[in-house]
Amino acid sequence: MRTRLAERAARFDEITDLIGRPEVAANGRKLSVLLQERGALEPVHALNARVAELEVRRAEAARILSDPSADPEFAELAREDAA
């Protein structure tokens, strides 16, 4: 599932690049199709960014929890994030 999400988010980025090109912007039909596809992919792109952010937070929490010298308050916050 994560791979499919990343692939669709990458397509969003690709379309964003394409619509900035003069040859695409000059082609109203192609631009319209790309803008529709981009609009449909926008929630996927946002979800992918959120999942990536949560993966980073979870990895950071795991790092803190595996460190025996970690501050107890940080460890508690890390436990909450990992839950």
N, C-alpha and C. Protein backbone atom coordinates (compact mmCIF):
# COMPACT_ATOMS: atom_id res chain seq x y z
N MET A 1 0.82 -1.19 0.00
CA MET A 1 0.00 0.00 0.00
C MET A 1 0.87 1.26 0.00
N ARG A 2 1.91 1.27 0.81
CA ARG A 2 2.78 2.44 0.91
C ARG A 2 3.45 2.73 -0.43
N THR A 3 3.84 1.68 -1.13
CA THR A 3 4.48 1.86 -2.43
C THR A 3 3.52 2.50 -3.42
N ARG A 4 2.29 2.02 -3.44
CA ARG A 4 1.28 2.58 -4.36
C ARG A 4 1.01 4.04 -4.03
N LEU A 5 0.94 4.35 -2.76
CA LEU A 5 0.73 5.72 -2.32
C LEU A 5 1.87 6.62 -2.79
N ALA A 6 3.10 6.14 -2.61
CA ALA A 6 4.27 6.92 -3.05
C ALA A 6 4.30 7.09 -4.56
N GLU A 7 3.90 6.07 -5.30
CA GLU A 7 3.87 6.16 -6.76
C GLU A 7 2.86 7.21 -7.22
N ARG A 8 1.69 7.22 -6.60
CA ARG A 8 0.67 8.19 -6.98
C ARG A 8 1.08 9.61 -6.58
N ALA A 9 1.75 9.74 -5.44
CA ALA A 9 2.25 11.05 -5.02
C ALA A 9 3.33 11.54 -5.99
N ALA A 10 4.15 10.63 -6.47
CA ALA A 10 5.18 10.98 -7.45
C ALA A 10 4.53 11.44 -8.76
N ARG A 11 3.43 10.82 -9.12
CA ARG A 11 2.71 11.24 -10.33
C ARG A 11 2.19 12.67 -10.15
N PHE A 12 1.71 12.99 -8.96
CA PHE A 12 1.26 14.35 -8.65
C PHE A 12 2.41 15.34 -8.89
N ASP A 13 3.59 14.99 -8.39
CA ASP A 13 4.76 15.86 -8.57
C ASP A 13 5.14 15.98 -10.05
N GLU A 14 5.06 14.86 -10.76
CA GLU A 14 5.37 14.87 -12.19
C GLU A 14 4.41 15.80 -12.94
N ILE A 15 3.13 15.69 -12.63
CA ILE A 15 2.13 16.55 -13.29
C ILE A 15 2.38 18.01 -12.95
N THR A 16 2.72 18.28 -11.70
CA THR A 16 3.01 19.65 -11.29
C THR A 16 4.15 20.22 -12.14
N ASP A 17 5.17 19.41 -12.38
CA ASP A 17 6.28 19.86 -13.24
C ASP A 17 5.81 20.06 -14.68
N LEU A 18 5.01 19.13 -15.16
CA LEU A 18 4.54 19.21 -16.55
C LEU A 18 3.72 20.48 -16.81
N ILE A 19 2.83 20.82 -15.89
CA ILE A 19 1.96 21.98 -16.15
C ILE A 19 2.72 23.30 -16.11
N GLY A 20 3.93 23.27 -15.61
CA GLY A 20 4.77 24.47 -15.62
C GLY A 20 5.55 24.66 -16.92
N ARG A 21 5.50 23.67 -17.79
CA ARG A 21 6.23 23.76 -19.06
C ARG A 21 5.43 24.56 -20.08
N PRO A 22 6.09 25.44 -20.80
CA PRO A 22 5.39 26.29 -21.78
C PRO A 22 4.61 25.50 -22.83
N GLU A 23 5.18 24.40 -23.32
CA GLU A 23 4.50 23.63 -24.37
C GLU A 23 3.22 22.98 -23.86
N VAL A 24 3.17 22.66 -22.58
CA VAL A 24 1.95 22.09 -21.99
C VAL A 24 0.96 23.20 -21.69
N ALA A 25 1.46 24.30 -21.14
CA ALA A 25 0.58 25.42 -20.82
C ALA A 25 -0.11 25.99 -22.07
N ALA A 26 0.56 25.89 -23.21
CA ALA A 26 0.00 26.40 -24.46
C ALA A 26 -1.04 25.45 -25.07
N ASN A 27 -1.07 24.22 -24.59
CA ASN A 27 -2.01 23.23 -25.11
C ASN A 27 -3.17 23.10 -24.11
N GLY A 28 -4.23 23.87 -24.37
CA GLY A 28 -5.35 23.95 -23.44
C GLY A 28 -5.98 22.61 -23.11
N ARG A 29 -6.11 21.75 -24.10
CA ARG A 29 -6.72 20.42 -23.87
C ARG A 29 -5.85 19.58 -22.95
N LYS A 30 -4.56 19.50 -23.27
CA LYS A 30 -3.64 18.71 -22.44
C LYS A 30 -3.55 19.29 -21.03
N LEU A 31 -3.49 20.61 -20.93
CA LEU A 31 -3.42 21.25 -19.63
C LEU A 31 -4.66 20.92 -18.79
N SER A 32 -5.81 20.96 -19.41
CA SER A 32 -7.06 20.65 -18.70
C SER A 32 -7.06 19.23 -18.15
N VAL A 33 -6.62 18.28 -18.98
CA VAL A 33 -6.57 16.88 -18.55
C VAL A 33 -5.60 16.71 -17.39
N LEU A 34 -4.44 17.34 -17.50
CA LEU A 34 -3.44 17.22 -16.44
C LEU A 34 -3.92 17.88 -15.14
N LEU A 35 -4.58 19.02 -15.26
CA LEU A 35 -5.09 19.68 -14.06
C LEU A 35 -6.16 18.84 -13.36
N GLN A 36 -6.98 18.16 -14.14
CA GLN A 36 -7.99 17.28 -13.54
C GLN A 36 -7.32 16.11 -12.82
N GLU A 37 -6.34 15.51 -13.47
CA GLU A 37 -5.63 14.39 -12.84
C GLU A 37 -4.92 14.85 -11.58
N ARG A 38 -4.28 16.01 -11.67
CA ARG A 38 -3.57 16.55 -10.50
C ARG A 38 -4.54 16.80 -9.35
N GLY A 39 -5.70 17.36 -9.66
CA GLY A 39 -6.71 17.60 -8.63
C GLY A 39 -7.17 16.32 -7.95
N ALA A 40 -7.31 15.27 -8.73
CA ALA A 40 -7.72 13.98 -8.17
C ALA A 40 -6.62 13.38 -7.29
N LEU A 41 -5.37 13.69 -7.61
CA LEU A 41 -4.25 13.12 -6.85
C LEU A 41 -3.84 13.97 -5.65
N GLU A 42 -4.37 15.17 -5.55
CA GLU A 42 -3.95 16.06 -4.46
C GLU A 42 -4.15 15.46 -3.07
N PRO A 43 -5.30 14.84 -2.78
CA PRO A 43 -5.46 14.22 -1.45
C PRO A 43 -4.46 13.09 -1.21
N VAL A 44 -4.12 12.36 -2.26
CA VAL A 44 -3.14 11.28 -2.14
C VAL A 44 -1.77 11.86 -1.81
N HIS A 45 -1.43 12.95 -2.47
CA HIS A 45 -0.15 13.61 -2.21
C HIS A 45 -0.07 14.08 -0.76
N ALA A 46 -1.15 14.67 -0.27
CA ALA A 46 -1.18 15.15 1.12
C ALA A 46 -1.09 13.97 2.09
N LEU A 47 -1.78 12.89 1.80
CA LEU A 47 -1.73 11.71 2.66
C LEU A 47 -0.33 11.12 2.67
N ASN A 48 0.31 11.06 1.52
CA ASN A 48 1.66 10.53 1.44
C ASN A 48 2.62 11.37 2.29
N ALA A 49 2.48 12.68 2.24
CA ALA A 49 3.33 13.56 3.04
C ALA A 49 3.09 13.32 4.53
N ARG A 50 1.84 13.13 4.91
CA ARG A 50 1.50 12.89 6.32
C ARG A 50 2.06 11.55 6.79
N VAL A 51 1.94 10.52 5.96
CA VAL A 51 2.48 9.20 6.31
C VAL A 51 4.00 9.28 6.47
N ALA A 52 4.66 9.97 5.56
CA ALA A 52 6.12 10.13 5.65
C ALA A 52 6.51 10.84 6.94
N GLU A 53 5.75 11.87 7.30
CA GLU A 53 6.02 12.60 8.54
C GLU A 53 5.85 11.68 9.76
N LEU A 54 4.81 10.87 9.75
CA LEU A 54 4.58 9.95 10.86
C LEU A 54 5.65 8.87 10.94
N GLU A 55 6.15 8.43 9.79
CA GLU A 55 7.23 7.45 9.79
C GLU A 55 8.50 8.03 10.42
N VAL A 56 8.77 9.27 10.13
CA VAL A 56 9.95 9.93 10.72
C VAL A 56 9.76 10.06 12.23
N ARG A 57 8.57 10.47 12.66
CA ARG A 57 8.30 10.61 14.10
C ARG A 57 8.42 9.27 14.82
N ARG A 58 7.90 8.21 14.19
CA ARG A 58 7.96 6.88 14.80
C ARG A 58 9.41 6.42 14.91
N ALA A 59 10.21 6.65 13.88
CA ALA A 59 11.63 6.27 13.91
C ALA A 59 12.36 7.04 15.00
N GLU A 60 12.05 8.31 15.13
CA GLU A 60 12.68 9.12 16.18
C GLU A 60 12.27 8.62 17.56
N ALA A 61 11.00 8.27 17.72
CA ALA A 61 10.53 7.72 19.00
C ALA A 61 11.25 6.42 19.32
N ALA A 62 11.40 5.56 18.33
CA ALA A 62 12.09 4.29 18.54
C ALA A 62 13.55 4.53 18.94
N ARG A 63 14.18 5.52 18.32
CA ARG A 63 15.57 5.84 18.66
C ARG A 63 15.67 6.30 20.11
N ILE A 64 14.77 7.16 20.52
CA ILE A 64 14.79 7.67 21.89
C ILE A 64 14.53 6.53 22.88
N LEU A 65 13.56 5.68 22.56
CA LEU A 65 13.22 4.58 23.48
C LEU A 65 14.34 3.55 23.58
N SER A 66 15.16 3.43 22.57
CA SER A 66 16.26 2.47 22.62
C SER A 66 17.50 3.03 23.30
N ASP A 67 17.48 4.31 23.62
CA ASP A 67 18.62 4.97 24.26
C ASP A 67 18.43 4.96 25.77
N PRO A 68 19.22 4.16 26.49
CA PRO A 68 19.04 4.09 27.95
C PRO A 68 19.36 5.41 28.66
N SER A 69 20.10 6.28 28.01
CA SER A 69 20.45 7.55 28.64
C SER A 69 19.49 8.68 28.27
N ALA A 70 18.40 8.34 27.58
CA ALA A 70 17.44 9.36 27.15
C ALA A 70 16.76 9.99 28.36
N ASP A 71 16.50 11.27 28.24
CA ASP A 71 15.79 12.00 29.28
C ASP A 71 14.43 11.33 29.51
N PRO A 72 14.04 11.11 30.77
CA PRO A 72 12.76 10.43 31.05
C PRO A 72 11.54 11.14 30.44
N GLU A 73 11.56 12.47 30.41
CA GLU A 73 10.43 13.19 29.83
C GLU A 73 10.36 12.96 28.31
N PHE A 74 11.53 12.96 27.66
CA PHE A 74 11.56 12.65 26.22
C PHE A 74 11.09 11.22 25.97
N ALA A 75 11.52 10.31 26.85
CA ALA A 75 11.12 8.91 26.70
C ALA A 75 9.60 8.77 26.81
N GLU A 76 9.00 9.51 27.74
CA GLU A 76 7.55 9.45 27.88
C GLU A 76 6.86 9.98 26.64
N LEU A 77 7.34 11.10 26.12
CA LEU A 77 6.78 11.64 24.87
C LEU A 77 6.97 10.65 23.71
N ALA A 78 8.11 10.00 23.68
CA ALA A 78 8.38 9.02 22.62
C ALA A 78 7.42 7.84 22.74
N ARG A 79 7.14 7.40 23.96
CA ARG A 79 6.19 6.30 24.15
C ARG A 79 4.81 6.70 23.64
N GLU A 80 4.41 7.93 23.91
CA GLU A 80 3.12 8.42 23.42
C GLU A 80 3.08 8.47 21.89
N ASP A 81 4.18 8.92 21.29
CA ASP A 81 4.25 8.99 19.82
C ASP A 81 4.24 7.59 19.20
N ALA A 82 4.88 6.65 19.87
CA ALA A 82 4.98 5.30 19.33
C ALA A 82 3.66 4.54 19.47
N ALA A 83 2.80 4.99 20.33
CA ALA A 83 1.52 4.28 20.56
C ALA A 83 0.54 4.47 19.44
